[in-house]
Full PDB file with SEQRES, HELIX, SHEET, SSBOND, CRYST1, ORIGX, SCALE, CONECT and MASTER records, all heavy atoms in Angstrom:
SEQRES   1 A   39  ASN TYR LEU MET GLU ASP LEU LEU LEU PRO VAL ALA ILE          
SEQRES   2 A   39  ILE SER VAL ASP GLU PHE ILE PHE GLU LEU PHE VAL TYR          
SEQRES   3 A   39  ILE GLY SER PHE LEU LEU LYS GLY ASP THR GLY PHE LYS          
HELIX    1 AA1 LEU A    8  SER A   29  1                                  22    
HELIX    2 AA2 LEU A   31  LYS A   33  5                                   3    
CRYST1    1.000    1.000    1.000  90.00  90.00  90.00 P 1           1          
ORIGX1      1.000000  0.000000  0.000000        0.00000                         
ORIGX2      0.000000  1.000000  0.000000        0.00000                         
ORIGX3      0.000000  0.000000  1.000000        0.00000                         
SCALE1      1.000000  0.000000  0.000000        0.00000                         
SCALE2      0.000000  1.000000  0.000000        0.00000                         
SCALE3      0.000000  0.000000  1.000000        0.00000                         
ATOM      1  N   ASN A   1       0.764  -1.249   0.087  1.00  0.00           N  
ATOM      2  CA  ASN A   1       0.009   0.033  -0.040  1.00  0.00           C  
ATOM      3  C   ASN A   1       0.799   1.338  -0.042  1.00  0.00           C  
ATOM      4  O   ASN A   1       0.282   2.297   0.289  1.00  0.00           O  
ATOM      5  CB  ASN A   1      -0.945   0.103   1.257  1.00  0.00           C  
ATOM      6  CG  ASN A   1      -1.925  -1.147   1.275  1.00  0.00           C  
ATOM      7  OD1 ASN A   1      -2.316  -1.678   0.119  1.00  0.00           O  
ATOM      8  ND2 ASN A   1      -2.270  -1.619   2.339  1.00  0.00           N  
ATOM      9  N   TYR A   2       2.082   1.206  -0.425  1.00  0.00           N  
ATOM     10  CA  TYR A   2       2.795   2.527  -0.347  1.00  0.00           C  
ATOM     11  C   TYR A   2       3.860   2.461  -1.460  1.00  0.00           C  
ATOM     12  O   TYR A   2       4.304   1.417  -1.930  1.00  0.00           O  
ATOM     13  CB  TYR A   2       3.412   2.744   1.091  1.00  0.00           C  
ATOM     14  CG  TYR A   2       4.737   2.220   1.222  1.00  0.00           C  
ATOM     15  CD1 TYR A   2       5.888   3.207   1.243  1.00  0.00           C  
ATOM     16  CD2 TYR A   2       5.207   0.911   1.281  1.00  0.00           C  
ATOM     17  CE1 TYR A   2       7.107   2.774   1.425  1.00  0.00           C  
ATOM     18  CE2 TYR A   2       6.464   0.475   1.401  1.00  0.00           C  
ATOM     19  CZ  TYR A   2       7.420   1.442   1.440  1.00  0.00           C  
ATOM     20  OH  TYR A   2       8.730   1.057   1.558  1.00  0.00           O  
ATOM     21  N   LEU A   3       4.299   3.657  -1.763  1.00  0.00           N  
ATOM     22  CA  LEU A   3       5.409   3.942  -2.693  1.00  0.00           C  
ATOM     23  C   LEU A   3       6.816   3.831  -2.086  1.00  0.00           C  
ATOM     24  O   LEU A   3       6.964   4.533  -1.077  1.00  0.00           O  
ATOM     25  CB  LEU A   3       5.231   5.261  -3.330  1.00  0.00           C  
ATOM     26  CG  LEU A   3       6.206   5.692  -4.486  1.00  0.00           C  
ATOM     27  CD1 LEU A   3       6.028   4.686  -5.682  1.00  0.00           C  
ATOM     28  CD2 LEU A   3       5.895   7.108  -4.973  1.00  0.00           C  
ATOM     29  N   MET A   4       7.578   2.837  -2.451  1.00  0.00           N  
ATOM     30  CA  MET A   4       8.842   2.583  -1.671  1.00  0.00           C  
ATOM     31  C   MET A   4       9.750   3.847  -1.596  1.00  0.00           C  
ATOM     32  O   MET A   4      10.461   3.949  -0.606  1.00  0.00           O  
ATOM     33  CB  MET A   4       9.588   1.485  -2.345  1.00  0.00           C  
ATOM     34  CG  MET A   4       9.153   0.109  -1.873  1.00  0.00           C  
ATOM     35  SD  MET A   4      10.312  -0.978  -2.147  1.00  0.00           S  
ATOM     36  CE  MET A   4       9.387  -2.342  -2.838  1.00  0.00           C  
ATOM     37  N   GLU A   5       9.744   4.738  -2.469  1.00  0.00           N  
ATOM     38  CA  GLU A   5      10.681   5.897  -2.440  1.00  0.00           C  
ATOM     39  C   GLU A   5      10.176   7.032  -1.546  1.00  0.00           C  
ATOM     40  O   GLU A   5      10.925   7.838  -1.085  1.00  0.00           O  
ATOM     41  CB  GLU A   5      10.775   6.579  -3.828  1.00  0.00           C  
ATOM     42  CG  GLU A   5      11.626   5.727  -4.791  1.00  0.00           C  
ATOM     43  CD  GLU A   5      10.817   4.533  -5.397  1.00  0.00           C  
ATOM     44  OE1 GLU A   5       9.538   4.572  -5.298  1.00  0.00           O  
ATOM     45  OE2 GLU A   5      11.485   3.552  -5.863  1.00  0.00           O  
ATOM     46  N   ASP A   6       8.966   6.919  -1.033  1.00  0.00           N  
ATOM     47  CA  ASP A   6       8.329   7.803  -0.067  1.00  0.00           C  
ATOM     48  C   ASP A   6       8.910   7.504   1.346  1.00  0.00           C  
ATOM     49  O   ASP A   6       9.024   6.333   1.841  1.00  0.00           O  
ATOM     50  CB  ASP A   6       6.851   7.689  -0.022  1.00  0.00           C  
ATOM     51  CG  ASP A   6       6.231   8.612   0.922  1.00  0.00           C  
ATOM     52  OD1 ASP A   6       6.785   9.661   1.136  1.00  0.00           O  
ATOM     53  OD2 ASP A   6       5.082   8.343   1.400  1.00  0.00           O  
ATOM     54  N   LEU A   7       9.569   8.499   1.940  1.00  0.00           N  
ATOM     55  CA  LEU A   7      10.210   8.433   3.249  1.00  0.00           C  
ATOM     56  C   LEU A   7       9.388   8.739   4.426  1.00  0.00           C  
ATOM     57  O   LEU A   7       9.518   8.381   5.592  1.00  0.00           O  
ATOM     58  CB  LEU A   7      11.444   9.279   3.249  1.00  0.00           C  
ATOM     59  CG  LEU A   7      12.458   9.142   4.380  1.00  0.00           C  
ATOM     60  CD1 LEU A   7      13.055   7.795   4.294  1.00  0.00           C  
ATOM     61  CD2 LEU A   7      13.504  10.251   4.318  1.00  0.00           C  
ATOM     62  N   LEU A   8       8.132   9.376   4.127  1.00  0.00           N  
ATOM     63  CA  LEU A   8       7.295   9.743   5.220  1.00  0.00           C  
ATOM     64  C   LEU A   8       6.695   8.556   6.028  1.00  0.00           C  
ATOM     65  O   LEU A   8       6.739   8.526   7.124  1.00  0.00           O  
ATOM     66  CB  LEU A   8       6.183  10.652   4.668  1.00  0.00           C  
ATOM     67  CG  LEU A   8       5.214  11.171   5.724  1.00  0.00           C  
ATOM     68  CD1 LEU A   8       5.923  12.055   6.703  1.00  0.00           C  
ATOM     69  CD2 LEU A   8       4.075  12.024   5.132  1.00  0.00           C  
ATOM     70  N   LEU A   9       6.274   7.541   5.253  1.00  0.00           N  
ATOM     71  CA  LEU A   9       5.703   6.469   5.846  1.00  0.00           C  
ATOM     72  C   LEU A   9       6.663   5.616   6.796  1.00  0.00           C  
ATOM     73  O   LEU A   9       6.359   5.182   7.836  1.00  0.00           O  
ATOM     74  CB  LEU A   9       5.010   5.409   4.903  1.00  0.00           C  
ATOM     75  CG  LEU A   9       4.272   4.152   5.438  1.00  0.00           C  
ATOM     76  CD1 LEU A   9       3.051   4.600   6.247  1.00  0.00           C  
ATOM     77  CD2 LEU A   9       3.776   3.379   4.338  1.00  0.00           C  
ATOM     78  N   PRO A  10       7.853   5.298   6.291  1.00  0.00           N  
ATOM     79  CA  PRO A  10       8.926   4.582   7.021  1.00  0.00           C  
ATOM     80  C   PRO A  10       9.296   5.403   8.313  1.00  0.00           C  
ATOM     81  O   PRO A  10       9.409   4.767   9.305  1.00  0.00           O  
ATOM     82  CB  PRO A  10      10.063   4.522   6.179  1.00  0.00           C  
ATOM     83  CG  PRO A  10       9.624   4.456   4.884  1.00  0.00           C  
ATOM     84  CD  PRO A  10       8.302   5.357   4.849  1.00  0.00           C  
ATOM     85  N   VAL A  11       9.368   6.752   8.289  1.00  0.00           N  
ATOM     86  CA  VAL A  11       9.638   7.437   9.432  1.00  0.00           C  
ATOM     87  C   VAL A  11       8.425   7.411  10.390  1.00  0.00           C  
ATOM     88  O   VAL A  11       8.719   7.267  11.529  1.00  0.00           O  
ATOM     89  CB  VAL A  11       9.960   8.910   9.098  1.00  0.00           C  
ATOM     90  CG1 VAL A  11       9.911   9.893  10.275  1.00  0.00           C  
ATOM     91  CG2 VAL A  11      11.224   8.998   8.304  1.00  0.00           C  
ATOM     92  N   ALA A  12       7.226   7.503   9.975  1.00  0.00           N  
ATOM     93  CA  ALA A  12       6.071   7.286  10.780  1.00  0.00           C  
ATOM     94  C   ALA A  12       5.962   5.976  11.436  1.00  0.00           C  
ATOM     95  O   ALA A  12       5.818   5.866  12.644  1.00  0.00           O  
ATOM     96  CB  ALA A  12       4.784   7.659  10.130  1.00  0.00           C  
ATOM     97  N   ILE A  13       6.215   4.949  10.659  1.00  0.00           N  
ATOM     98  CA  ILE A  13       6.081   3.573  11.101  1.00  0.00           C  
ATOM     99  C   ILE A  13       7.245   3.354  12.186  1.00  0.00           C  
ATOM    100  O   ILE A  13       7.005   2.673  13.201  1.00  0.00           O  
ATOM    101  CB  ILE A  13       6.247   2.585   9.914  1.00  0.00           C  
ATOM    102  CG1 ILE A  13       4.988   2.549   9.197  1.00  0.00           C  
ATOM    103  CG2 ILE A  13       6.486   1.153  10.564  1.00  0.00           C  
ATOM    104  CD1 ILE A  13       5.154   1.780   7.922  1.00  0.00           C  
ATOM    105  N   ILE A  14       8.484   3.745  11.879  1.00  0.00           N  
ATOM    106  CA  ILE A  14       9.595   3.538  12.777  1.00  0.00           C  
ATOM    107  C   ILE A  14       9.359   4.381  14.176  1.00  0.00           C  
ATOM    108  O   ILE A  14       9.818   3.915  15.288  1.00  0.00           O  
ATOM    109  CB  ILE A  14      11.010   3.871  12.225  1.00  0.00           C  
ATOM    110  CG1 ILE A  14      12.106   3.159  13.054  1.00  0.00           C  
ATOM    111  CG2 ILE A  14      11.304   5.424  12.159  1.00  0.00           C  
ATOM    112  CD1 ILE A  14      12.110   1.763  12.862  1.00  0.00           C  
ATOM    113  N   SER A  15       8.714   5.424  14.048  1.00  0.00           N  
ATOM    114  CA  SER A  15       8.348   6.197  15.261  1.00  0.00           C  
ATOM    115  C   SER A  15       7.468   5.399  16.210  1.00  0.00           C  
ATOM    116  O   SER A  15       7.671   5.251  17.316  1.00  0.00           O  
ATOM    117  CB  SER A  15       7.655   7.501  14.881  1.00  0.00           C  
ATOM    118  OG  SER A  15       8.498   8.254  14.250  1.00  0.00           O  
ATOM    119  N   VAL A  16       6.445   4.811  15.538  1.00  0.00           N  
ATOM    120  CA  VAL A  16       5.490   3.919  16.324  1.00  0.00           C  
ATOM    121  C   VAL A  16       6.114   2.736  16.862  1.00  0.00           C  
ATOM    122  O   VAL A  16       6.057   2.295  18.003  1.00  0.00           O  
ATOM    123  CB  VAL A  16       4.236   3.576  15.487  1.00  0.00           C  
ATOM    124  CG1 VAL A  16       3.318   2.658  16.135  1.00  0.00           C  
ATOM    125  CG2 VAL A  16       3.556   4.814  15.138  1.00  0.00           C  
ATOM    126  N   ASP A  17       7.039   2.076  15.889  1.00  0.00           N  
ATOM    127  CA  ASP A  17       7.692   0.932  16.213  1.00  0.00           C  
ATOM    128  C   ASP A  17       8.651   1.107  17.495  1.00  0.00           C  
ATOM    129  O   ASP A  17       8.646   0.281  18.452  1.00  0.00           O  
ATOM    130  CB  ASP A  17       8.498   0.419  15.097  1.00  0.00           C  
ATOM    131  CG  ASP A  17       7.643  -0.335  13.982  1.00  0.00           C  
ATOM    132  OD1 ASP A  17       6.378  -0.404  14.235  1.00  0.00           O  
ATOM    133  OD2 ASP A  17       8.172  -0.514  12.888  1.00  0.00           O  
ATOM    134  N   GLU A  18       9.338   2.134  17.361  1.00  0.00           N  
ATOM    135  CA  GLU A  18      10.406   2.400  18.509  1.00  0.00           C  
ATOM    136  C   GLU A  18       9.706   2.775  19.774  1.00  0.00           C  
ATOM    137  O   GLU A  18      10.177   2.295  20.858  1.00  0.00           O  
ATOM    138  CB  GLU A  18      11.246   3.562  18.050  1.00  0.00           C  
ATOM    139  CG  GLU A  18      12.328   3.939  19.078  1.00  0.00           C  
ATOM    140  CD  GLU A  18      13.352   2.841  19.310  1.00  0.00           C  
ATOM    141  OE1 GLU A  18      13.639   2.076  18.478  1.00  0.00           O  
ATOM    142  OE2 GLU A  18      14.048   3.103  20.417  1.00  0.00           O  
ATOM    143  N   PHE A  19       8.638   3.501  19.585  1.00  0.00           N  
ATOM    144  CA  PHE A  19       7.949   3.803  20.968  1.00  0.00           C  
ATOM    145  C   PHE A  19       7.264   2.594  21.528  1.00  0.00           C  
ATOM    146  O   PHE A  19       7.428   2.227  22.749  1.00  0.00           O  
ATOM    147  CB  PHE A  19       6.710   4.878  20.674  1.00  0.00           C  
ATOM    148  CG  PHE A  19       5.991   5.179  21.944  1.00  0.00           C  
ATOM    149  CD1 PHE A  19       6.667   6.065  22.773  1.00  0.00           C  
ATOM    150  CD2 PHE A  19       4.749   4.610  22.248  1.00  0.00           C  
ATOM    151  CE1 PHE A  19       5.956   6.462  23.988  1.00  0.00           C  
ATOM    152  CE2 PHE A  19       4.268   5.038  23.521  1.00  0.00           C  
ATOM    153  CZ  PHE A  19       4.738   5.971  24.277  1.00  0.00           C  
ATOM    154  N   ILE A  20       6.616   1.684  20.785  1.00  0.00           N  
ATOM    155  CA  ILE A  20       6.228   0.341  21.295  1.00  0.00           C  
ATOM    156  C   ILE A  20       7.308  -0.454  21.781  1.00  0.00           C  
ATOM    157  O   ILE A  20       7.127  -1.106  22.912  1.00  0.00           O  
ATOM    158  CB  ILE A  20       5.334  -0.380  20.199  1.00  0.00           C  
ATOM    159  CG1 ILE A  20       4.071   0.452  19.846  1.00  0.00           C  
ATOM    160  CG2 ILE A  20       5.119  -1.856  20.547  1.00  0.00           C  
ATOM    161  CD1 ILE A  20       3.391  -0.128  18.596  1.00  0.00           C  
ATOM    162  N   PHE A  21       8.459  -0.472  21.068  1.00  0.00           N  
ATOM    163  CA  PHE A  21       9.508  -1.411  21.528  1.00  0.00           C  
ATOM    164  C   PHE A  21       9.968  -0.805  22.898  1.00  0.00           C  
ATOM    165  O   PHE A  21      10.186  -1.571  23.772  1.00  0.00           O  
ATOM    166  CB  PHE A  21      10.613  -1.182  20.510  1.00  0.00           C  
ATOM    167  CG  PHE A  21      11.895  -2.047  20.784  1.00  0.00           C  
ATOM    168  CD1 PHE A  21      11.957  -3.370  20.496  1.00  0.00           C  
ATOM    169  CD2 PHE A  21      12.956  -1.533  21.506  1.00  0.00           C  
ATOM    170  CE1 PHE A  21      12.994  -4.197  20.808  1.00  0.00           C  
ATOM    171  CE2 PHE A  21      14.043  -2.230  21.844  1.00  0.00           C  
ATOM    172  CZ  PHE A  21      14.053  -3.623  21.471  1.00  0.00           C  
ATOM    173  N   GLU A  22      10.298   0.356  23.053  1.00  0.00           N  
ATOM    174  CA  GLU A  22      10.715   1.044  24.290  1.00  0.00           C  
ATOM    175  C   GLU A  22       9.723   0.897  25.423  1.00  0.00           C  
ATOM    176  O   GLU A  22      10.129   0.653  26.529  1.00  0.00           O  
ATOM    177  CB  GLU A  22      11.201   2.522  24.079  1.00  0.00           C  
ATOM    178  CG  GLU A  22      12.386   2.622  23.199  1.00  0.00           C  
ATOM    179  CD  GLU A  22      13.567   2.100  23.822  1.00  0.00           C  
ATOM    180  OE1 GLU A  22      13.879   1.937  25.074  1.00  0.00           O  
ATOM    181  OE2 GLU A  22      14.549   1.708  22.979  1.00  0.00           O  
ATOM    182  N   LEU A  23       8.495   0.896  25.068  1.00  0.00           N  
ATOM    183  CA  LEU A  23       7.471   0.822  25.996  1.00  0.00           C  
ATOM    184  C   LEU A  23       7.429  -0.732  26.597  1.00  0.00           C  
ATOM    185  O   LEU A  23       7.356  -0.877  27.793  1.00  0.00           O  
ATOM    186  CB  LEU A  23       6.084   0.996  25.430  1.00  0.00           C  
ATOM    187  CG  LEU A  23       4.860   1.033  26.349  1.00  0.00           C  
ATOM    188  CD1 LEU A  23       4.958   2.115  27.429  1.00  0.00           C  
ATOM    189  CD2 LEU A  23       3.625   1.251  25.587  1.00  0.00           C  
ATOM    190  N   PHE A  24       7.617  -1.671  25.689  1.00  0.00           N  
ATOM    191  CA  PHE A  24       7.680  -2.954  26.198  1.00  0.00           C  
ATOM    192  C   PHE A  24       8.864  -3.288  27.080  1.00  0.00           C  
ATOM    193  O   PHE A  24       9.051  -3.972  27.975  1.00  0.00           O  
ATOM    194  CB  PHE A  24       7.524  -3.913  24.983  1.00  0.00           C  
ATOM    195  CG  PHE A  24       6.168  -4.304  24.656  1.00  0.00           C  
ATOM    196  CD1 PHE A  24       5.482  -3.637  23.693  1.00  0.00           C  
ATOM    197  CD2 PHE A  24       5.458  -5.326  25.395  1.00  0.00           C  
ATOM    198  CE1 PHE A  24       4.155  -3.971  23.217  1.00  0.00           C  
ATOM    199  CE2 PHE A  24       4.083  -5.578  25.003  1.00  0.00           C  
ATOM    200  CZ  PHE A  24       3.475  -4.924  24.039  1.00  0.00           C  
ATOM    201  N   VAL A  25      10.077  -2.653  26.610  1.00  0.00           N  
ATOM    202  CA  VAL A  25      11.280  -2.815  27.349  1.00  0.00           C  
ATOM    203  C   VAL A  25      11.046  -2.215  28.818  1.00  0.00           C  
ATOM    204  O   VAL A  25      11.596  -2.685  29.777  1.00  0.00           O  
ATOM    205  CB  VAL A  25      12.480  -2.137  26.636  1.00  0.00           C  
ATOM    206  CG1 VAL A  25      13.696  -2.016  27.554  1.00  0.00           C  
ATOM    207  CG2 VAL A  25      12.803  -2.980  25.398  1.00  0.00           C  
ATOM    208  N   TYR A  26      10.454  -0.924  28.814  1.00  0.00           N  
ATOM    209  CA  TYR A  26      10.137  -0.352  30.150  1.00  0.00           C  
ATOM    210  C   TYR A  26       9.346  -1.264  30.943  1.00  0.00           C  
ATOM    211  O   TYR A  26       9.585  -1.480  32.262  1.00  0.00           O  
ATOM    212  CB  TYR A  26       9.436   0.976  29.873  1.00  0.00           C  
ATOM    213  CG  TYR A  26       8.890   1.515  31.241  1.00  0.00           C  
ATOM    214  CD1 TYR A  26       9.816   2.131  32.161  1.00  0.00           C  
ATOM    215  CD2 TYR A  26       7.489   1.550  31.416  1.00  0.00           C  
ATOM    216  CE1 TYR A  26       9.266   2.657  33.318  1.00  0.00           C  
ATOM    217  CE2 TYR A  26       7.139   1.952  32.648  1.00  0.00           C  
ATOM    218  CZ  TYR A  26       7.969   2.572  33.624  1.00  0.00           C  
ATOM    219  OH  TYR A  26       7.455   3.053  34.785  1.00  0.00           O  
ATOM    220  N   ILE A  27       8.291  -1.823  30.410  1.00  0.00           N  
ATOM    221  CA  ILE A  27       7.373  -2.719  31.148  1.00  0.00           C  
ATOM    222  C   ILE A  27       8.158  -3.931  31.703  1.00  0.00           C  
ATOM    223  O   ILE A  27       8.111  -4.264  32.819  1.00  0.00           O  
ATOM    224  CB  ILE A  27       6.062  -3.130  30.283  1.00  0.00           C  
ATOM    225  CG1 ILE A  27       5.211  -1.905  30.075  1.00  0.00           C  
ATOM    226  CG2 ILE A  27       5.436  -4.324  31.018  1.00  0.00           C  
ATOM    227  CD1 ILE A  27       4.153  -2.253  29.117  1.00  0.00           C  
ATOM    228  N   GLY A  28       8.920  -4.679  30.842  1.00  0.00           N  
ATOM    229  CA  GLY A  28       9.678  -5.766  31.200  1.00  0.00           C  
ATOM    230  C   GLY A  28      10.751  -5.504  32.188  1.00  0.00           C  
ATOM    231  O   GLY A  28      11.164  -6.327  33.025  1.00  0.00           O  
ATOM    232  N   SER A  29      11.512  -4.362  32.021  1.00  0.00           N  
ATOM    233  CA  SER A  29      12.703  -4.048  32.807  1.00  0.00           C  
ATOM    234  C   SER A  29      12.402  -3.314  34.024  1.00  0.00           C  
ATOM    235  O   SER A  29      13.270  -3.314  34.902  1.00  0.00           O  
ATOM    236  CB  SER A  29      13.734  -3.385  31.796  1.00  0.00           C  
ATOM    237  OG  SER A  29      14.033  -4.161  30.830  1.00  0.00           O  
ATOM    238  N   PHE A  30      11.340  -2.389  34.091  1.00  0.00           N  
ATOM    239  CA  PHE A  30      11.341  -1.479  35.096  1.00  0.00           C  
ATOM    240  C   PHE A  30       9.961  -1.719  35.785  1.00  0.00           C  
ATOM    241  O   PHE A  30       9.893  -1.736  37.040  1.00  0.00           O  
ATOM    242  CB  PHE A  30      11.519   0.006  34.653  1.00  0.00           C  
ATOM    243  CG  PHE A  30      12.794   0.225  34.018  1.00  0.00           C  
ATOM    244  CD1 PHE A  30      13.015   0.282  32.722  1.00  0.00           C  
ATOM    245  CD2 PHE A  30      13.911   0.521  34.936  1.00  0.00           C  
ATOM    246  CE1 PHE A  30      14.349   0.604  32.178  1.00  0.00           C  
ATOM    247  CE2 PHE A  30      15.201   0.563  34.437  1.00  0.00           C  
ATOM    248  CZ  PHE A  30      15.340   0.693  33.056  1.00  0.00           C  
ATOM    249  N   LEU A  31       8.865  -1.591  35.067  1.00  0.00           N  
ATOM    250  CA  LEU A  31       7.504  -1.532  35.677  1.00  0.00           C  
ATOM    251  C   LEU A  31       7.290  -2.867  36.507  1.00  0.00           C  
ATOM    252  O   LEU A  31       6.862  -2.739  37.612  1.00  0.00           O  
ATOM    253  CB  LEU A  31       6.413  -1.386  34.720  1.00  0.00           C  
ATOM    254  CG  LEU A  31       5.031  -1.085  35.187  1.00  0.00           C  
ATOM    255  CD1 LEU A  31       4.988   0.164  36.064  1.00  0.00           C  
ATOM    256  CD2 LEU A  31       4.034  -1.076  34.028  1.00  0.00           C  
ATOM    257  N   LEU A  32       7.660  -4.034  35.961  1.00  0.00           N  
ATOM    258  CA  LEU A  32       7.470  -5.232  36.668  1.00  0.00           C  
ATOM    259  C   LEU A  32       8.367  -5.366  37.898  1.00  0.00           C  
ATOM    260  O   LEU A  32       8.084  -6.101  38.805  1.00  0.00           O  
ATOM    261  CB  LEU A  32       7.783  -6.430  35.672  1.00  0.00           C  
ATOM    262  CG  LEU A  32       6.607  -6.592  34.588  1.00  0.00           C  
ATOM    263  CD1 LEU A  32       7.070  -7.688  33.714  1.00  0.00           C  
ATOM    264  CD2 LEU A  32       5.343  -6.664  35.128  1.00  0.00           C  
ATOM    265  N   LYS A  33       9.390  -4.596  38.071  1.00  0.00           N  
ATOM    266  CA  LYS A  33      10.354  -4.576  39.189  1.00  0.00           C  
ATOM    267  C   LYS A  33       9.935  -3.463  40.176  1.00  0.00           C  
ATOM    268  O   LYS A  33      10.652  -3.255  41.072  1.00  0.00           O  
ATOM    269  CB  LYS A  33      11.749  -4.462  38.727  1.00  0.00           C  
ATOM    270  CG  LYS A  33      12.171  -5.545  37.873  1.00  0.00           C  
ATOM    271  CD  LYS A  33      13.631  -5.433  37.450  1.00  0.00           C  
ATOM    272  CE  LYS A  33      13.978  -6.570  36.463  1.00  0.00           C  
ATOM    273  NZ  LYS A  33      15.337  -6.423  35.854  1.00  0.00           N  
ATOM    274  N   GLY A  34       8.826  -2.808  39.861  1.00  0.00           N  
ATOM    275  CA  GLY A  34       8.336  -1.803  40.879  1.00  0.00           C  
ATOM    276  C   GLY A  34       8.689  -0.406  40.509  1.00  0.00           C  
ATOM    277  O   GLY A  34       8.384   0.532  41.272  1.00  0.00           O  
ATOM    278  N   ASP A  35       9.461  -0.031  39.508  1.00  0.00           N  
ATOM    279  CA  ASP A  35       9.775   1.250  39.166  1.00  0.00           C  
ATOM    280  C   ASP A  35       8.686   1.789  38.370  1.00  0.00           C  
ATOM    281  O   ASP A  35       8.387   1.512  37.127  1.00  0.00           O  
ATOM    282  CB  ASP A  35      11.122   1.380  38.322  1.00  0.00           C  
ATOM    283  CG  ASP A  35      11.577   2.774  38.039  1.00  0.00           C  
ATOM    284  OD1 ASP A  35      10.882   3.738  38.492  1.00  0.00           O  
ATOM    285  OD2 ASP A  35      12.502   2.828  37.293  1.00  0.00           O  
ATOM    286  N   THR A  36       7.853   2.844  38.866  1.00  0.00           N  
ATOM    287  CA  THR A  36       6.857   3.406  38.306  1.00  0.00           C  
ATOM    288  C   THR A  36       6.960   4.788  37.697  1.00  0.00           C  
ATOM    289  O   THR A  36       6.047   5.526  37.353  1.00  0.00           O  
ATOM    290  CB  THR A  36       5.506   3.422  39.155  1.00  0.00           C  
ATOM    291  OG1 THR A  36       5.897   4.189  40.299  1.00  0.00           O  
ATOM    292  CG2 THR A  36       5.120   1.972  39.517  1.00  0.00           C  
ATOM    293  N   GLY A  37       8.180   5.143  37.540  1.00  0.00           N  
ATOM    294  CA  GLY A  37       8.564   6.502  37.047  1.00  0.00           C  
ATOM    295  C   GLY A  37       8.480   6.588  35.612  1.00  0.00           C  
ATOM    296  O   GLY A  37       9.513   6.853  34.899  1.00  0.00           O  
ATOM    297  N   PHE A  38       7.370   6.348  34.924  1.00  0.00           N  
ATOM    298  CA  PHE A  38       7.296   6.323  33.351  1.00  0.00           C  
ATOM    299  C   PHE A  38       7.542   7.740  32.872  1.00  0.00           C  
ATOM    300  O   PHE A  38       8.274   7.706  31.745  1.00  0.00           O  
ATOM    301  CB  PHE A  38       5.879   5.912  33.060  1.00  0.00           C  
ATOM    302  CG  PHE A  38       5.726   5.837  31.406  1.00  0.00           C  
ATOM    303  CD1 PHE A  38       6.425   4.882  30.754  1.00  0.00           C  
ATOM    304  CD2 PHE A  38       4.982   6.817  30.869  1.00  0.00           C  
ATOM    305  CE1 PHE A  38       6.308   4.890  29.415  1.00  0.00           C  
ATOM    306  CE2 PHE A  38       4.915   6.817  29.449  1.00  0.00           C  
ATOM    307  CZ  PHE A  38       5.526   5.856  28.760  1.00  0.00           C  
ATOM    308  N   LYS A  39       7.168   8.741  33.468  1.00  0.00           N  
ATOM    309  CA  LYS A  39       7.386  10.116  32.918  1.00  0.00           C  
ATOM    310  C   LYS A  39       8.952  10.350  32.769  1.00  0.00           C  
ATOM    311  O   LYS A  39       9.357  10.935  31.755  1.00  0.00           O  
ATOM    312  CB  LYS A  39       6.735  11.159  33.685  1.00  0.00           C  
ATOM    313  CG  LYS A  39       6.728  12.631  33.129  1.00  0.00           C  
ATOM    314  CD  LYS A  39       6.054  13.502  33.931  1.00  0.00           C  
ATOM    315  CE  LYS A  39       6.258  14.933  33.327  1.00  0.00           C  
ATOM    316  NZ  LYS A  39       5.581  15.992  34.115  1.00  0.00           N  
TER     317      LYS A  39                                                      
MASTER        0    0    0    2    0    0    0    6  316    1    0    3          
END                                                                             
């Protein structure tokens, strides 16, 4: 569904991917150990 030369979609997708990735790392590494300083 996209034109490969377009850079906007990959940048938007990697933004969401990285945020989700870091969120899961935070949950697994910090939140489950009691560190609730998400901000």
